[in-house]
């Protein structure tokens, strides 16, 4: 699948403010500074669609982008971001939870994991919670260019063992590097698969 057109539609501070449309949605989420904005720009083929920042927690709203006039890419606030008050952190997490639990046209969530790090408790806890929502999701291991392919695969294997403690069936897994344009084809294929499933629904 190719993205021939993409445009920002709106930002929403909560579920009620999200656009009312029938478009299938594909959401991206991860810890702060995991490379989400860079990955979204890679998928869209644009450098400045999502704002890239060195400061964690740049995304504080739910951002909607229409792709090919047929589906929506959704940029969700990260979890575990710094430099916000505890109350604001709780509010952001509540917004994300509402969206993931209640958004009916959400087809798949792409959860971004830093491939360089050992399994982080916050990632595992989020995935365990997400599993209970019954939403389809895939794991995207980012920043693969920062280390050897062997190290990345070793890290993914360790992460899968951590997941296996409570999850019997592994989700789809993609290795990504925005710098080397790695993972784009695989993620777009998963989106195409979700669109096909939506067409059969």
N, C-alpha and C. Protein backbone atom coordinates (compact mmCIF):
# COMPACT_ATOMS: atom_id res chain seq x y z
N UNK A 1 0.83 -1.19 0.00
CA UNK A 1 0.00 0.00 0.00
C UNK A 1 0.87 1.25 0.00
N UNK A 2 0.40 2.29 -0.70
CA UNK A 2 1.10 3.57 -0.73
C UNK A 2 0.23 4.66 -0.10
N UNK A 3 0.88 5.60 0.54
CA UNK A 3 0.17 6.79 1.02
C UNK A 3 0.37 7.87 -0.04
N UNK A 4 -0.68 8.16 -0.78
CA UNK A 4 -0.61 9.15 -1.85
C UNK A 4 -0.95 10.56 -1.37
N UNK A 5 -1.74 10.64 -0.30
CA UNK A 5 -2.09 11.95 0.24
C UNK A 5 -2.27 11.83 1.74
N UNK A 6 -1.87 12.86 2.45
CA UNK A 6 -2.05 12.89 3.90
C UNK A 6 -2.22 14.33 4.33
N UNK A 7 -3.19 14.56 5.20
CA UNK A 7 -3.42 15.91 5.69
C UNK A 7 -3.85 15.86 7.16
N UNK A 8 -3.36 16.84 7.90
CA UNK A 8 -3.78 16.98 9.29
C UNK A 8 -5.23 17.43 9.30
N UNK A 9 -6.06 16.76 10.14
CA UNK A 9 -7.45 17.15 10.22
C UNK A 9 -7.76 17.92 11.50
N UNK A 10 -7.38 17.35 12.67
CA UNK A 10 -7.67 18.08 13.90
C UNK A 10 -6.95 17.44 15.08
N UNK A 11 -6.87 18.18 16.19
CA UNK A 11 -6.40 17.67 17.46
C UNK A 11 -7.59 17.60 18.41
N UNK A 12 -7.58 16.63 19.30
CA UNK A 12 -8.68 16.47 20.24
C UNK A 12 -8.13 16.28 21.65
N UNK A 13 -8.66 17.01 22.63
CA UNK A 13 -8.20 16.88 24.00
C UNK A 13 -8.85 15.72 24.75
N UNK A 14 -9.93 15.17 24.18
CA UNK A 14 -10.64 14.07 24.84
C UNK A 14 -11.45 13.31 23.80
N UNK A 15 -12.07 12.21 24.24
CA UNK A 15 -12.80 11.34 23.32
C UNK A 15 -13.99 12.07 22.68
N UNK A 16 -14.68 12.88 23.45
CA UNK A 16 -15.86 13.58 22.94
C UNK A 16 -15.50 14.51 21.79
N UNK A 17 -14.30 15.03 21.81
CA UNK A 17 -13.86 15.99 20.79
C UNK A 17 -13.32 15.33 19.53
N UNK A 18 -13.19 14.01 19.54
CA UNK A 18 -12.66 13.30 18.38
C UNK A 18 -13.63 13.42 17.21
N UNK A 19 -13.12 13.40 15.99
CA UNK A 19 -14.00 13.56 14.81
C UNK A 19 -15.02 12.44 14.71
N UNK A 20 -16.20 12.83 14.25
CA UNK A 20 -17.27 11.86 14.02
C UNK A 20 -17.28 11.49 12.54
N UNK A 21 -16.68 10.37 12.25
CA UNK A 21 -16.59 9.90 10.87
C UNK A 21 -16.52 8.38 10.87
N UNK A 22 -16.72 7.76 9.73
CA UNK A 22 -16.66 6.29 9.65
C UNK A 22 -15.28 5.76 9.30
N UNK A 23 -14.29 6.65 9.18
CA UNK A 23 -12.97 6.23 8.72
C UNK A 23 -12.32 5.23 9.68
N UNK A 24 -11.75 4.14 9.18
CA UNK A 24 -10.94 3.25 10.02
C UNK A 24 -9.74 4.01 10.55
N UNK A 25 -9.38 3.77 11.80
CA UNK A 25 -8.28 4.50 12.43
C UNK A 25 -7.17 3.54 12.87
N UNK A 26 -5.94 4.01 12.72
CA UNK A 26 -4.75 3.25 13.11
C UNK A 26 -3.92 4.17 14.00
N UNK A 27 -3.77 3.78 15.25
CA UNK A 27 -3.17 4.66 16.25
C UNK A 27 -1.74 4.25 16.57
N UNK A 28 -0.92 5.24 16.91
CA UNK A 28 0.48 5.03 17.26
C UNK A 28 0.73 5.59 18.66
N UNK A 29 1.39 4.79 19.49
CA UNK A 29 1.63 5.20 20.87
C UNK A 29 2.93 4.57 21.36
N UNK A 30 3.54 5.18 22.36
CA UNK A 30 4.76 4.63 22.95
C UNK A 30 5.23 5.53 24.07
N UNK A 31 6.27 5.10 24.75
CA UNK A 31 6.86 5.94 25.79
C UNK A 31 7.44 7.20 25.16
N UNK A 32 7.69 8.18 26.00
CA UNK A 32 8.30 9.41 25.53
C UNK A 32 9.65 9.13 24.88
N UNK A 33 9.94 9.88 23.82
CA UNK A 33 11.24 9.83 23.17
C UNK A 33 11.54 8.47 22.53
N UNK A 34 10.50 7.76 22.11
CA UNK A 34 10.69 6.45 21.50
C UNK A 34 10.82 6.57 19.98
N UNK A 35 10.61 7.77 19.44
CA UNK A 35 10.75 7.97 18.00
C UNK A 35 9.43 7.94 17.25
N UNK A 36 8.33 8.24 17.95
CA UNK A 36 7.00 8.15 17.32
C UNK A 36 6.82 9.18 16.20
N UNK A 37 7.17 10.42 16.45
CA UNK A 37 7.00 11.45 15.43
C UNK A 37 7.82 11.15 14.19
N UNK A 38 9.05 10.69 14.39
CA UNK A 38 9.91 10.35 13.25
C UNK A 38 9.31 9.21 12.44
N UNK A 39 8.72 8.23 13.12
CA UNK A 39 8.12 7.10 12.42
C UNK A 39 6.89 7.55 11.64
N UNK A 40 6.06 8.40 12.23
CA UNK A 40 4.87 8.89 11.54
C UNK A 40 5.27 9.68 10.29
N UNK A 41 6.31 10.50 10.40
CA UNK A 41 6.79 11.24 9.24
C UNK A 41 7.32 10.31 8.16
N UNK A 42 7.98 9.23 8.57
CA UNK A 42 8.47 8.24 7.62
C UNK A 42 7.30 7.60 6.87
N UNK A 43 6.27 7.19 7.60
CA UNK A 43 5.12 6.55 6.96
C UNK A 43 4.44 7.50 5.97
N UNK A 44 4.32 8.76 6.37
CA UNK A 44 3.63 9.74 5.53
C UNK A 44 4.49 10.23 4.38
N UNK A 45 5.80 9.98 4.47
CA UNK A 45 6.69 10.49 3.44
C UNK A 45 6.90 11.98 3.52
N UNK A 46 6.74 12.54 4.73
CA UNK A 46 6.92 13.97 4.95
C UNK A 46 7.77 14.21 6.19
N UNK A 47 8.60 15.24 6.14
CA UNK A 47 9.52 15.48 7.25
C UNK A 47 8.87 16.19 8.43
N UNK A 48 7.81 16.93 8.16
CA UNK A 48 7.28 17.83 9.18
C UNK A 48 5.82 17.59 9.53
N UNK A 49 5.30 16.42 9.20
CA UNK A 49 3.89 16.15 9.50
C UNK A 49 3.67 16.11 11.01
N UNK A 50 4.46 15.29 11.69
CA UNK A 50 4.43 15.23 13.15
C UNK A 50 5.66 15.95 13.67
N UNK A 51 5.50 16.74 14.70
CA UNK A 51 6.61 17.53 15.22
C UNK A 51 7.58 16.67 16.00
N UNK A 52 8.84 16.71 15.59
CA UNK A 52 9.90 15.96 16.27
C UNK A 52 10.57 16.88 17.28
N UNK A 53 10.76 16.38 18.50
CA UNK A 53 11.36 17.21 19.54
C UNK A 53 12.28 16.37 20.41
N UNK A 54 13.32 17.01 20.93
CA UNK A 54 14.18 16.34 21.89
C UNK A 54 13.55 16.29 23.27
N UNK A 55 12.54 17.12 23.50
CA UNK A 55 11.87 17.16 24.81
C UNK A 55 10.79 16.09 24.87
N UNK A 56 10.82 15.21 25.88
CA UNK A 56 9.81 14.16 25.98
C UNK A 56 8.42 14.76 26.17
N UNK A 57 7.41 14.00 25.69
CA UNK A 57 6.04 14.40 25.94
C UNK A 57 5.55 15.52 25.05
N UNK A 58 6.08 15.62 23.83
CA UNK A 58 5.68 16.70 22.93
C UNK A 58 4.21 16.59 22.56
N UNK A 59 3.74 15.37 22.27
CA UNK A 59 2.35 15.16 21.91
C UNK A 59 1.49 15.14 23.17
N UNK A 60 0.56 16.08 23.27
CA UNK A 60 -0.31 16.15 24.44
C UNK A 60 -1.78 16.05 24.07
N UNK A 61 -2.07 15.98 22.78
CA UNK A 61 -3.43 15.84 22.29
C UNK A 61 -3.49 14.63 21.37
N UNK A 62 -4.71 14.18 21.08
CA UNK A 62 -4.90 13.14 20.08
C UNK A 62 -4.94 13.83 18.72
N UNK A 63 -4.00 13.50 17.85
CA UNK A 63 -3.89 14.16 16.55
C UNK A 63 -4.33 13.23 15.43
N UNK A 64 -5.20 13.74 14.55
CA UNK A 64 -5.78 12.93 13.48
C UNK A 64 -5.28 13.41 12.12
N UNK A 65 -4.81 12.46 11.31
CA UNK A 65 -4.35 12.74 9.96
C UNK A 65 -5.12 11.83 8.99
N UNK A 66 -5.69 12.41 7.94
CA UNK A 66 -6.41 11.61 6.95
C UNK A 66 -5.44 11.18 5.86
N UNK A 67 -5.41 9.89 5.58
CA UNK A 67 -4.52 9.33 4.56
C UNK A 67 -5.34 8.77 3.40
N UNK A 68 -4.94 9.12 2.19
CA UNK A 68 -5.60 8.64 0.97
C UNK A 68 -7.10 8.90 0.98
N UNK A 69 -7.54 9.86 1.79
CA UNK A 69 -8.96 10.19 1.92
C UNK A 69 -9.80 8.98 2.29
N UNK A 70 -9.14 7.98 2.93
CA UNK A 70 -9.85 6.73 3.19
C UNK A 70 -9.69 6.20 4.61
N UNK A 71 -8.62 6.61 5.30
CA UNK A 71 -8.40 6.11 6.66
C UNK A 71 -7.63 7.17 7.44
N UNK A 72 -7.57 6.99 8.74
CA UNK A 72 -6.93 8.00 9.59
C UNK A 72 -5.76 7.41 10.37
N UNK A 73 -4.67 8.14 10.38
CA UNK A 73 -3.53 7.85 11.23
C UNK A 73 -3.69 8.70 12.48
N UNK A 74 -3.59 8.09 13.65
CA UNK A 74 -3.85 8.78 14.90
C UNK A 74 -2.59 8.77 15.77
N UNK A 75 -2.13 9.96 16.11
CA UNK A 75 -0.94 10.14 16.94
C UNK A 75 -1.41 10.37 18.38
N UNK A 76 -1.16 9.39 19.24
CA UNK A 76 -1.63 9.45 20.62
C UNK A 76 -0.55 10.00 21.55
N UNK A 77 -0.96 10.69 22.62
CA UNK A 77 0.02 11.11 23.64
C UNK A 77 0.77 9.90 24.19
N UNK A 78 2.05 10.08 24.45
CA UNK A 78 2.85 8.98 24.99
C UNK A 78 2.53 8.72 26.45
N UNK A 79 2.98 7.61 26.93
CA UNK A 79 2.83 7.30 28.35
C UNK A 79 4.21 7.38 29.01
N UNK A 80 4.22 7.85 30.25
CA UNK A 80 5.49 7.96 30.97
C UNK A 80 6.31 9.16 30.60
N UNK A 81 5.68 10.22 30.12
CA UNK A 81 6.44 11.40 29.74
C UNK A 81 6.82 12.23 30.96
N UNK A 82 7.85 12.99 30.78
CA UNK A 82 8.37 13.82 31.88
C UNK A 82 7.83 15.25 31.75
N UNK A 83 8.20 16.09 32.68
CA UNK A 83 7.97 17.53 32.63
C UNK A 83 6.49 17.91 32.55
N UNK A 84 5.61 17.12 33.12
CA UNK A 84 4.23 17.54 33.33
C UNK A 84 3.87 17.16 34.76
N UNK A 85 2.91 17.88 35.30
CA UNK A 85 2.52 17.59 36.68
C UNK A 85 1.84 16.23 36.76
N UNK A 86 1.80 15.68 37.97
CA UNK A 86 1.17 14.37 38.17
C UNK A 86 -0.29 14.40 37.76
N UNK A 87 -0.98 15.50 38.07
CA UNK A 87 -2.39 15.60 37.70
C UNK A 87 -2.55 15.59 36.18
N UNK A 88 -1.72 16.35 35.48
CA UNK A 88 -1.80 16.37 34.02
C UNK A 88 -1.47 15.00 33.44
N UNK A 89 -0.52 14.31 34.05
CA UNK A 89 -0.16 12.97 33.57
C UNK A 89 -1.35 12.03 33.67
N UNK A 90 -2.07 12.13 34.78
CA UNK A 90 -3.25 11.29 34.96
C UNK A 90 -4.33 11.64 33.93
N UNK A 91 -4.47 12.93 33.64
CA UNK A 91 -5.46 13.36 32.66
C UNK A 91 -5.11 12.83 31.28
N UNK A 92 -3.83 12.93 30.90
CA UNK A 92 -3.42 12.43 29.59
C UNK A 92 -3.68 10.93 29.49
N UNK A 93 -3.32 10.21 30.52
CA UNK A 93 -3.51 8.76 30.49
C UNK A 93 -4.98 8.40 30.41
N UNK A 94 -5.84 9.17 31.06
CA UNK A 94 -7.27 8.92 31.02
C UNK A 94 -7.80 9.14 29.61
N UNK A 95 -7.31 10.18 28.94
CA UNK A 95 -7.72 10.46 27.56
C UNK A 95 -7.35 9.29 26.65
N UNK A 96 -6.12 8.81 26.79
CA UNK A 96 -5.66 7.68 25.98
C UNK A 96 -6.49 6.43 26.27
N UNK A 97 -6.75 6.18 27.54
CA UNK A 97 -7.53 5.00 27.92
C UNK A 97 -8.94 5.07 27.33
N UNK A 98 -9.56 6.23 27.41
CA UNK A 98 -10.91 6.39 26.86
C UNK A 98 -10.90 6.10 25.36
N UNK A 99 -9.92 6.65 24.67
CA UNK A 99 -9.84 6.44 23.22
C UNK A 99 -9.67 4.96 22.90
N UNK A 100 -8.72 4.31 23.54
CA UNK A 100 -8.41 2.92 23.22
C UNK A 100 -9.55 1.97 23.60
N UNK A 101 -10.26 2.29 24.65
CA UNK A 101 -11.35 1.42 25.10
C UNK A 101 -12.65 1.64 24.34
N UNK A 102 -12.88 2.86 23.88
CA UNK A 102 -14.22 3.20 23.40
C UNK A 102 -14.32 3.63 21.94
N UNK A 103 -13.20 3.88 21.29
CA UNK A 103 -13.26 4.35 19.90
C UNK A 103 -13.62 3.19 18.98
N UNK A 104 -14.80 3.20 18.44
CA UNK A 104 -15.33 2.04 17.71
C UNK A 104 -14.64 1.81 16.36
N UNK A 105 -14.17 2.85 15.71
CA UNK A 105 -13.54 2.65 14.40
C UNK A 105 -12.03 2.47 14.48
N UNK A 106 -11.50 2.28 15.68
CA UNK A 106 -10.08 1.96 15.85
C UNK A 106 -9.83 0.53 15.38
N UNK A 107 -8.95 0.38 14.42
CA UNK A 107 -8.69 -0.95 13.85
C UNK A 107 -7.43 -1.61 14.41
N UNK A 108 -6.40 -0.82 14.66
CA UNK A 108 -5.16 -1.41 15.18
C UNK A 108 -4.34 -0.34 15.86
N UNK A 109 -3.63 -0.76 16.90
CA UNK A 109 -2.72 0.13 17.62
C UNK A 109 -1.30 -0.35 17.38
N UNK A 110 -0.42 0.57 17.04
CA UNK A 110 0.99 0.26 16.88
C UNK A 110 1.71 0.80 18.12
N UNK A 111 2.23 -0.12 18.92
CA UNK A 111 2.91 0.25 20.17
C UNK A 111 4.41 0.27 19.90
N UNK A 112 5.02 1.42 20.09
CA UNK A 112 6.44 1.58 19.79
C UNK A 112 7.29 1.27 21.02
N UNK A 113 8.32 0.47 20.80
CA UNK A 113 9.24 0.04 21.85
C UNK A 113 10.66 0.38 21.42
N UNK A 114 11.45 0.97 22.30
CA UNK A 114 12.85 1.28 22.01
C UNK A 114 13.64 -0.02 21.97
N UNK A 115 14.15 -0.37 20.79
CA UNK A 115 14.83 -1.66 20.61
C UNK A 115 16.13 -1.76 21.39
N UNK A 116 16.66 -0.64 21.86
CA UNK A 116 17.97 -0.65 22.53
C UNK A 116 17.87 -1.00 24.01
N UNK A 117 16.66 -0.96 24.56
CA UNK A 117 16.49 -1.10 26.00
C UNK A 117 15.99 -2.49 26.39
N UNK A 118 16.35 -2.96 27.58
CA UNK A 118 15.74 -4.19 28.08
C UNK A 118 14.26 -3.92 28.33
N UNK A 119 13.44 -4.96 28.48
CA UNK A 119 12.01 -4.74 28.70
C UNK A 119 11.76 -3.77 29.86
N UNK A 120 11.00 -2.74 29.58
CA UNK A 120 10.67 -1.73 30.57
C UNK A 120 9.32 -2.06 31.21
N UNK A 121 9.24 -1.91 32.53
CA UNK A 121 8.01 -2.24 33.24
C UNK A 121 6.82 -1.46 32.70
N UNK A 122 7.03 -0.18 32.36
CA UNK A 122 5.92 0.64 31.90
C UNK A 122 5.37 0.14 30.56
N UNK A 123 6.25 -0.35 29.67
CA UNK A 123 5.79 -0.93 28.41
C UNK A 123 4.99 -2.20 28.64
N UNK A 124 5.52 -3.07 29.48
CA UNK A 124 4.85 -4.34 29.76
C UNK A 124 3.50 -4.13 30.45
N UNK A 125 3.46 -3.18 31.38
CA UNK A 125 2.21 -2.89 32.06
C UNK A 125 1.17 -2.33 31.10
N UNK A 126 1.62 -1.45 30.20
CA UNK A 126 0.69 -0.89 29.22
C UNK A 126 0.15 -1.99 28.31
N UNK A 127 1.01 -2.88 27.84
CA UNK A 127 0.57 -3.95 26.95
C UNK A 127 -0.38 -4.91 27.64
N UNK A 128 -0.12 -5.17 28.91
CA UNK A 128 -1.02 -6.05 29.65
C UNK A 128 -2.41 -5.42 29.77
N UNK A 129 -2.43 -4.11 29.99
CA UNK A 129 -3.71 -3.40 30.04
C UNK A 129 -4.37 -3.40 28.66
N UNK A 130 -3.57 -3.11 27.62
CA UNK A 130 -4.11 -3.03 26.27
C UNK A 130 -4.69 -4.37 25.83
N UNK A 131 -4.08 -5.44 26.27
CA UNK A 131 -4.56 -6.78 25.93
C UNK A 131 -6.00 -6.98 26.41
N UNK A 132 -6.32 -6.37 27.52
CA UNK A 132 -7.66 -6.53 28.09
C UNK A 132 -8.72 -5.76 27.31
N UNK A 133 -8.31 -4.78 26.51
CA UNK A 133 -9.27 -4.01 25.72
C UNK A 133 -9.73 -4.78 24.49
N UNK A 134 -9.01 -5.82 24.13
CA UNK A 134 -9.31 -6.65 22.95
C UNK A 134 -9.05 -5.93 21.62
N UNK A 135 -8.35 -4.80 21.68
CA UNK A 135 -7.98 -4.08 20.46
C UNK A 135 -6.78 -4.78 19.82
N UNK A 136 -6.82 -4.94 18.51
CA UNK A 136 -5.68 -5.52 17.80
C UNK A 136 -4.49 -4.58 17.88
N UNK A 137 -3.30 -5.12 18.14
CA UNK A 137 -2.12 -4.26 18.19
C UNK A 137 -0.89 -4.98 17.64
N UNK A 138 0.08 -4.18 17.25
CA UNK A 138 1.36 -4.68 16.77
C UNK A 138 2.46 -3.95 17.53
N UNK A 139 3.61 -4.57 17.62
CA UNK A 139 4.76 -3.96 18.28
C UNK A 139 5.76 -3.48 17.23
N UNK A 140 6.22 -2.24 17.40
CA UNK A 140 7.22 -1.68 16.49
C UNK A 140 8.46 -1.35 17.30
N UNK A 141 9.52 -2.07 17.07
CA UNK A 141 10.78 -1.84 17.79
C UNK A 141 11.59 -0.81 17.01
N UNK A 142 11.72 0.38 17.60
CA UNK A 142 12.29 1.54 16.92
C UNK A 142 13.80 1.66 17.13
N UNK A 143 14.38 2.59 16.38
CA UNK A 143 15.79 2.98 16.51
C UNK A 143 16.75 1.81 16.29
N UNK A 144 16.37 0.94 15.36
CA UNK A 144 17.20 -0.24 15.08
C UNK A 144 18.56 0.14 14.50
N UNK A 145 18.68 1.33 13.93
CA UNK A 145 19.95 1.75 13.35
C UNK A 145 20.99 2.09 14.41
N UNK A 146 20.56 2.19 15.67
CA UNK A 146 21.46 2.59 16.75
C UNK A 146 22.32 1.43 17.26
N UNK A 147 22.06 0.22 16.76
CA UNK A 147 22.81 -0.95 17.21
C UNK A 147 22.80 -2.00 16.10
N UNK A 148 23.52 -3.10 16.30
CA UNK A 148 23.58 -4.13 15.28
C UNK A 148 22.24 -4.87 15.18
N UNK A 149 21.99 -5.46 14.01
CA UNK A 149 20.77 -6.23 13.81
C UNK A 149 20.68 -7.39 14.81
N UNK A 150 21.84 -7.98 15.12
CA UNK A 150 21.86 -9.11 16.06
C UNK A 150 21.42 -8.66 17.45
N UNK A 151 21.90 -7.49 17.88
CA UNK A 151 21.51 -6.96 19.19
C UNK A 151 20.00 -6.66 19.23
N UNK A 152 19.50 -6.13 18.14
CA UNK A 152 18.07 -5.83 18.08
C UNK A 152 17.25 -7.11 18.19
N UNK A 153 17.64 -8.13 17.47
CA UNK A 153 16.89 -9.39 17.50
C UNK A 153 16.99 -10.06 18.87
N UNK A 154 18.13 -9.95 19.51
CA UNK A 154 18.28 -10.48 20.87
C UNK A 154 17.33 -9.76 21.83
N UNK A 155 17.26 -8.44 21.68
CA UNK A 155 16.38 -7.66 22.54
C UNK A 155 14.92 -8.00 22.32
N UNK A 156 14.53 -8.21 21.06
CA UNK A 156 13.15 -8.59 20.76
C UNK A 156 12.82 -9.94 21.37
N UNK A 157 13.77 -10.87 21.30
CA UNK A 157 13.55 -12.20 21.87
C UNK A 157 13.34 -12.11 23.39
N UNK A 158 14.12 -11.28 24.06
CA UNK A 158 13.96 -11.09 25.51
C UNK A 158 12.60 -10.48 25.81
N UNK A 159 12.20 -9.50 25.00
CA UNK A 159 10.90 -8.85 25.21
C UNK A 159 9.77 -9.86 25.03
N UNK A 160 9.86 -10.70 24.01
CA UNK A 160 8.83 -11.72 23.76
C UNK A 160 8.73 -12.70 24.92
N UNK A 161 9.86 -13.03 25.52
CA UNK A 161 9.82 -13.92 26.69
C UNK A 161 9.10 -13.27 27.85
N UNK A 162 9.28 -11.96 28.00
CA UNK A 162 8.57 -11.24 29.05
C UNK A 162 7.07 -11.24 28.79
N UNK A 163 6.68 -11.06 27.53
CA UNK A 163 5.27 -11.08 27.17
C UNK A 163 4.66 -12.46 27.39
N UNK A 164 5.46 -13.49 27.13
CA UNK A 164 4.95 -14.86 27.21
C UNK A 164 4.52 -15.24 28.62
N UNK A 165 4.92 -14.46 29.62
CA UNK A 165 4.51 -14.74 31.00
C UNK A 165 3.00 -14.63 31.16
N UNK A 166 2.34 -13.84 30.29
CA UNK A 166 0.89 -13.70 30.40
C UNK A 166 0.17 -13.71 29.06
N UNK A 167 0.91 -13.77 27.95
CA UNK A 167 0.28 -13.74 26.63
C UNK A 167 0.71 -14.95 25.82
N UNK A 168 -0.24 -15.73 25.37
CA UNK A 168 0.08 -16.97 24.66
C UNK A 168 0.35 -16.74 23.18
N UNK A 169 -0.36 -15.79 22.58
CA UNK A 169 -0.19 -15.53 21.15
C UNK A 169 0.50 -14.18 20.94
N UNK A 170 1.63 -14.19 20.27
CA UNK A 170 2.40 -12.97 20.08
C UNK A 170 1.75 -12.07 19.03
N UNK A 171 1.79 -10.76 19.23
CA UNK A 171 1.30 -9.83 18.22
C UNK A 171 2.29 -9.74 17.06
N UNK A 172 1.88 -9.10 15.99
CA UNK A 172 2.80 -8.83 14.88
C UNK A 172 3.93 -7.94 15.38
N UNK A 173 5.14 -8.20 14.89
CA UNK A 173 6.32 -7.45 15.33
C UNK A 173 7.04 -6.88 14.11
N UNK A 174 7.38 -5.60 14.19
CA UNK A 174 8.09 -4.91 13.12
C UNK A 174 9.34 -4.26 13.70
N UNK A 175 10.45 -4.36 12.99
CA UNK A 175 11.67 -3.65 13.37
C UNK A 175 11.77 -2.39 12.52
N UNK A 176 12.05 -1.26 13.16
CA UNK A 176 11.97 0.01 12.45
C UNK A 176 13.18 0.90 12.70
N UNK A 177 13.51 1.68 11.68
CA UNK A 177 14.49 2.75 11.80
C UNK A 177 14.05 3.87 10.87
N UNK A 178 13.66 5.00 11.44
CA UNK A 178 13.25 6.13 10.61
C UNK A 178 14.42 6.63 9.76
N UNK A 179 15.60 6.58 10.32
CA UNK A 179 16.79 7.06 9.60
C UNK A 179 17.06 6.23 8.36
N UNK A 180 16.89 4.92 8.47
CA UNK A 180 17.18 4.03 7.35
C UNK A 180 15.92 3.62 6.59
N UNK A 181 14.78 4.22 6.95
CA UNK A 181 13.50 3.94 6.30
C UNK A 181 13.09 2.48 6.44
N UNK A 182 13.49 1.88 7.52
CA UNK A 182 13.20 0.46 7.77
C UNK A 182 11.86 0.32 8.48
N UNK A 183 11.08 -0.66 8.07
CA UNK A 183 9.82 -0.97 8.74
C UNK A 183 8.60 -0.33 8.10
N UNK A 184 8.81 0.63 7.21
CA UNK A 184 7.69 1.35 6.60
C UNK A 184 6.78 0.40 5.82
N UNK A 185 7.38 -0.43 4.97
CA UNK A 185 6.59 -1.36 4.15
C UNK A 185 5.78 -2.31 5.01
N UNK A 186 6.40 -2.82 6.07
CA UNK A 186 5.71 -3.79 6.95
C UNK A 186 4.54 -3.14 7.69
N UNK A 187 4.74 -1.92 8.16
CA UNK A 187 3.65 -1.24 8.89
C UNK A 187 2.50 -0.93 7.94
N UNK A 188 2.81 -0.44 6.74
CA UNK A 188 1.76 -0.15 5.78
C UNK A 188 1.01 -1.42 5.37
N UNK A 189 1.71 -2.55 5.32
CA UNK A 189 1.05 -3.82 5.01
C UNK A 189 0.07 -4.21 6.11
N UNK A 190 0.44 -3.95 7.37
CA UNK A 190 -0.47 -4.23 8.48
C UNK A 190 -1.68 -3.31 8.45
N UNK A 191 -1.47 -2.07 8.03
CA UNK A 191 -2.59 -1.14 7.89
C UNK A 191 -3.51 -1.61 6.77
N UNK A 192 -2.93 -2.04 5.65
CA UNK A 192 -3.73 -2.54 4.53
C UNK A 192 -4.54 -3.76 4.96
N UNK A 193 -3.92 -4.61 5.77
CA UNK A 193 -4.63 -5.78 6.29
C UNK A 193 -5.81 -5.35 7.15
N UNK A 194 -5.60 -4.34 7.99
CA UNK A 194 -6.68 -3.84 8.83
C UNK A 194 -7.80 -3.21 8.01
N UNK A 195 -7.44 -2.53 6.92
CA UNK A 195 -8.45 -1.94 6.05
C UNK A 195 -9.27 -3.02 5.36
N UNK A 196 -8.60 -4.10 4.96
CA UNK A 196 -9.32 -5.21 4.33
C UNK A 196 -10.30 -5.86 5.31
N UNK A 197 -9.85 -6.01 6.56
CA UNK A 197 -10.73 -6.57 7.59
C UNK A 197 -11.91 -5.65 7.85
N UNK A 198 -11.66 -4.34 7.84
CA UNK A 198 -12.73 -3.37 8.05
C UNK A 198 -13.75 -3.45 6.93
N UNK A 199 -13.26 -3.71 5.71
CA UNK A 199 -14.17 -3.83 4.56
C UNK A 199 -15.06 -5.04 4.64
N UNK A 200 -14.57 -6.08 5.33
CA UNK A 200 -15.38 -7.29 5.48
C UNK A 200 -16.34 -7.21 6.65
N UNK A 201 -16.11 -6.23 7.56
CA UNK A 201 -16.94 -6.13 8.77
C UNK A 201 -18.37 -5.71 8.42
